[in-house]
């Protein structure tokens, strides 16, 4: 149990680094954040409250899947990733040129994908959004990259229509993160269902 908790915590800490790098690059936010931002624009709630509402909605979406259960990893994911991102940010470079910022964003995205596989492999519970993706993939048997890309594209579009801001990094993330996460999950031996 100690090693599983350690793996979970290291995975979440690395995840926070990746998120911090992407946000710090200032070339776009993740599609789910665009969705939360859109809710914030429409309801005048703060971004943080809107993000929490999205997490609750996503957790409720686990119910019909019947193959995902919240665990300590679910709770810690919701609480710690933002904190870890804040802790890493002061140590990140602040390039003035576009190319170094793009590189930082891309590295951050790869780190997020790697960290996702690491913390899910601890088997202590997926974060709300990751659990929805894994649960849907296990239910439908579609390739994980396709499931993830469909969700990312859907929430990105809805968030944008509600007033969320979209930049090139957002689009890159929406298109690439599914494949990167599928690769990471295979690396960490997380079983994915194949379509019959």
Protein backbone atom coordinates (compact mmCIF):
# COMPACT_ATOMS: atom_id res chain seq x y z
CA UNK A 1 0.00 0.00 0.00
CA UNK A 2 2.87 2.39 0.80
CA UNK A 3 4.31 2.01 -2.70
CA UNK A 4 0.91 2.50 -4.33
CA UNK A 5 0.29 5.70 -2.36
CA UNK A 6 3.83 6.86 -3.18
CA UNK A 7 3.23 6.19 -6.87
CA UNK A 8 -0.07 8.09 -6.69
CA UNK A 9 1.53 11.11 -5.00
CA UNK A 10 4.53 11.23 -7.35
CA UNK A 11 2.19 10.91 -10.33
CA UNK A 12 0.00 13.76 -9.10
CA UNK A 13 3.05 15.94 -8.37
CA UNK A 14 4.38 15.36 -11.88
CA UNK A 15 0.90 15.98 -13.27
CA UNK A 16 0.89 19.34 -11.48
CA UNK A 17 4.24 20.17 -13.09
CA UNK A 18 2.81 19.46 -16.54
CA UNK A 19 -0.29 21.57 -15.90
CA UNK A 20 1.87 24.38 -14.51
CA UNK A 21 4.06 24.33 -17.63
CA UNK A 22 1.08 24.49 -19.97
CA UNK A 23 -0.61 27.33 -18.08
CA UNK A 24 2.69 29.22 -17.66
CA UNK A 25 3.35 29.04 -21.42
CA UNK A 26 0.28 31.25 -21.99
CA UNK A 27 -0.57 29.70 -25.35
CA UNK A 28 -3.82 28.03 -24.33
CA UNK A 29 -5.65 26.14 -21.62
CA UNK A 30 -6.99 22.59 -21.70
CA UNK A 31 -10.44 21.99 -23.24
CA UNK A 32 -12.04 21.13 -19.89
CA UNK A 33 -10.80 24.47 -18.56
CA UNK A 34 -12.35 26.21 -21.58
CA UNK A 35 -15.60 24.47 -20.65
CA UNK A 36 -15.36 25.65 -17.03
CA UNK A 37 -14.45 29.13 -18.25
CA UNK A 38 -17.53 29.14 -20.48
CA UNK A 39 -19.74 28.19 -17.53
CA UNK A 40 -18.13 31.00 -15.55
CA UNK A 41 -18.89 33.50 -18.33
CA UNK A 42 -22.53 32.43 -18.57
CA UNK A 43 -23.26 32.13 -14.83
CA UNK A 44 -20.88 34.78 -13.40
CA UNK A 45 -19.54 32.16 -10.97
CA UNK A 46 -15.79 32.15 -10.36
CA UNK A 47 -13.59 29.91 -12.49
CA UNK A 48 -12.76 27.78 -9.43
CA UNK A 49 -16.41 27.17 -8.57
CA UNK A 50 -17.19 26.44 -12.21
CA UNK A 51 -14.34 23.89 -12.28
CA UNK A 52 -15.70 22.23 -9.14
CA UNK A 53 -19.17 22.04 -10.71
CA UNK A 54 -17.69 20.39 -13.79
CA UNK A 55 -15.93 17.82 -11.57
CA UNK A 56 -19.20 16.97 -9.81
CA UNK A 57 -21.05 16.63 -13.13
CA UNK A 58 -18.32 14.37 -14.48
CA UNK A 59 -18.40 12.19 -11.35
CA UNK A 60 -22.17 11.81 -11.77
CA UNK A 61 -21.52 10.68 -15.35
CA UNK A 62 -19.60 7.71 -13.90
CA UNK A 63 -22.86 6.23 -12.55
CA UNK A 64 -24.26 4.77 -15.81
CA UNK A 65 -20.82 3.39 -16.74
CA UNK A 66 -20.87 1.06 -13.68
CA UNK A 67 -17.17 0.25 -14.04
CA UNK A 68 -15.46 3.12 -12.22
CA UNK A 69 -15.48 3.77 -8.49
CA UNK A 70 -14.11 6.86 -6.76
CA UNK A 71 -11.11 6.25 -4.52
CA UNK A 72 -8.53 8.22 -2.58
CA UNK A 73 -6.87 9.01 -5.92
CA UNK A 74 -10.09 10.65 -7.11
CA UNK A 75 -10.19 12.95 -4.10
CA UNK A 76 -6.46 13.73 -4.11
CA UNK A 77 -6.53 14.41 -7.85
CA UNK A 78 -9.24 17.03 -7.36
CA UNK A 79 -7.44 18.65 -4.40
CA UNK A 80 -3.72 18.39 -5.12
CA UNK A 81 -3.07 18.92 -8.82
CA UNK A 82 -3.82 22.64 -8.64
CA UNK A 83 -1.72 22.96 -5.50
CA UNK A 84 1.20 21.12 -7.10
CA UNK A 85 0.90 23.31 -10.21
CA UNK A 86 1.13 26.41 -7.99
CA UNK A 87 4.17 24.99 -6.18
CA UNK A 88 6.03 24.29 -9.43
CA UNK A 89 5.22 27.60 -11.15
CA UNK A 90 7.84 29.81 -9.38
CA UNK A 91 10.57 27.48 -10.65
CA UNK A 92 9.47 27.58 -14.30
CA UNK A 93 11.25 29.80 -16.83
CA UNK A 94 9.40 32.77 -18.32
CA UNK A 95 10.49 32.97 -21.97
CA UNK A 96 9.63 36.10 -23.92
CA UNK A 97 9.76 34.38 -27.32
CA UNK A 98 6.96 32.26 -28.77
CA UNK A 99 8.98 29.13 -29.65
CA UNK A 100 10.29 28.44 -26.11
CA UNK A 101 6.74 28.88 -24.79
CA UNK A 102 5.42 26.43 -27.38
CA UNK A 103 8.12 23.92 -26.40
CA UNK A 104 7.21 24.35 -22.73
CA UNK A 105 3.54 23.74 -23.54
CA UNK A 106 4.31 20.59 -25.55
CA UNK A 107 6.61 19.21 -22.84
CA UNK A 108 3.94 19.96 -20.25
CA UNK A 109 1.38 18.03 -22.29
CA UNK A 110 3.67 15.00 -22.57
CA UNK A 111 4.34 15.17 -18.81
CA UNK A 112 0.59 15.27 -18.09
CA UNK A 113 0.06 12.16 -20.23
CA UNK A 114 2.94 10.28 -18.55
CA UNK A 115 1.78 11.29 -15.07
CA UNK A 116 -1.78 10.19 -15.83
CA UNK A 117 -0.62 6.67 -16.59
CA UNK A 118 1.55 6.66 -13.46
CA UNK A 119 -1.14 7.73 -11.01
CA UNK A 120 -3.94 5.60 -12.54
CA UNK A 121 -1.63 2.56 -12.39
CA UNK A 122 -1.55 2.93 -8.59
CA UNK A 123 -5.16 1.62 -8.68
CA UNK A 124 -6.27 4.04 -5.97
CA UNK A 125 -8.85 5.82 -8.11
CA UNK A 126 -8.84 7.99 -11.22
CA UNK A 127 -9.50 11.71 -11.29
CA UNK A 128 -13.04 12.68 -12.32
CA UNK A 129 -12.26 13.33 -16.00
CA UNK A 130 -9.74 10.52 -16.41
CA UNK A 131 -12.18 8.07 -14.83
CA UNK A 132 -14.88 9.13 -17.29
CA UNK A 133 -12.52 8.50 -20.21
CA UNK A 134 -11.34 5.12 -18.92
CA UNK A 135 -14.89 4.07 -18.01
CA UNK A 136 -16.24 5.00 -21.43
CA UNK A 137 -13.40 3.19 -23.18
CA UNK A 138 -13.97 0.04 -21.13
CA UNK A 139 -17.70 0.23 -21.81
CA UNK A 140 -17.50 0.82 -25.58
CA UNK A 141 -14.21 -0.85 -26.44
CA UNK A 142 -13.21 2.00 -28.73
CA UNK A 143 -9.54 3.06 -28.88
CA UNK A 144 -8.73 5.22 -25.87
CA UNK A 145 -7.29 8.00 -28.02
CA UNK A 146 -10.61 8.23 -29.90
CA UNK A 147 -12.71 8.39 -26.71
CA UNK A 148 -10.48 11.05 -25.20
CA UNK A 149 -10.38 13.12 -28.39
CA UNK A 150 -14.17 13.00 -28.72
CA UNK A 151 -14.67 14.21 -25.14
CA UNK A 152 -12.01 16.91 -25.48
CA UNK A 153 -13.48 18.14 -28.76
CA UNK A 154 -17.02 18.19 -27.36
CA UNK A 155 -16.25 20.15 -24.19
CA UNK A 156 -13.94 22.47 -26.14
CA UNK A 157 -16.72 23.32 -28.60
CA UNK A 158 -19.37 23.81 -25.91
CA UNK A 159 -17.00 25.89 -23.78
CA UNK A 160 -16.05 28.07 -26.75
CA UNK A 161 -19.72 28.62 -27.66
CA UNK A 162 -20.34 29.73 -24.06
CA UNK A 163 -17.51 32.27 -24.21
CA UNK A 164 -14.43 30.29 -23.15
CA UNK A 165 -11.11 31.33 -24.70
CA UNK A 166 -9.45 29.03 -27.23
CA UNK A 167 -5.87 29.33 -28.45
CA UNK A 168 -3.53 27.13 -30.45
CA UNK A 169 -2.36 25.24 -27.36
CA UNK A 170 -5.96 24.29 -26.60
CA UNK A 171 -6.40 22.78 -30.05
CA UNK A 172 -3.05 20.97 -29.89
CA UNK A 173 -4.04 19.49 -26.52
CA UNK A 174 -7.47 18.39 -27.75
CA UNK A 175 -5.99 16.58 -30.76
CA UNK A 176 -2.87 15.03 -29.17
CA UNK A 177 -3.65 14.20 -25.53
CA UNK A 178 -5.74 11.10 -26.29
CA UNK A 179 -2.95 9.34 -28.19
CA UNK A 180 -0.32 10.40 -25.64
CA UNK A 181 -2.42 9.12 -22.74
CA UNK A 182 -3.15 5.84 -24.52
CA UNK A 183 0.60 5.35 -24.97
CA UNK A 184 1.25 6.18 -21.31
CA UNK A 185 -1.44 3.79 -20.10
CA UNK A 186 0.04 0.97 -22.16
CA UNK A 187 3.48 1.84 -20.75
CA UNK A 188 2.15 1.43 -17.20
CA UNK A 189 0.24 -1.76 -18.03
CA UNK A 190 -3.27 -0.33 -17.61
CA UNK A 191 -5.70 -2.69 -19.39
CA UNK A 192 -7.83 -1.19 -22.15
CA UNK A 193 -10.72 -3.08 -23.66
CA UNK A 194 -10.55 -3.91 -27.36
CA UNK A 195 -13.68 -3.63 -29.46
CA UNK A 196 -15.05 -7.00 -30.52
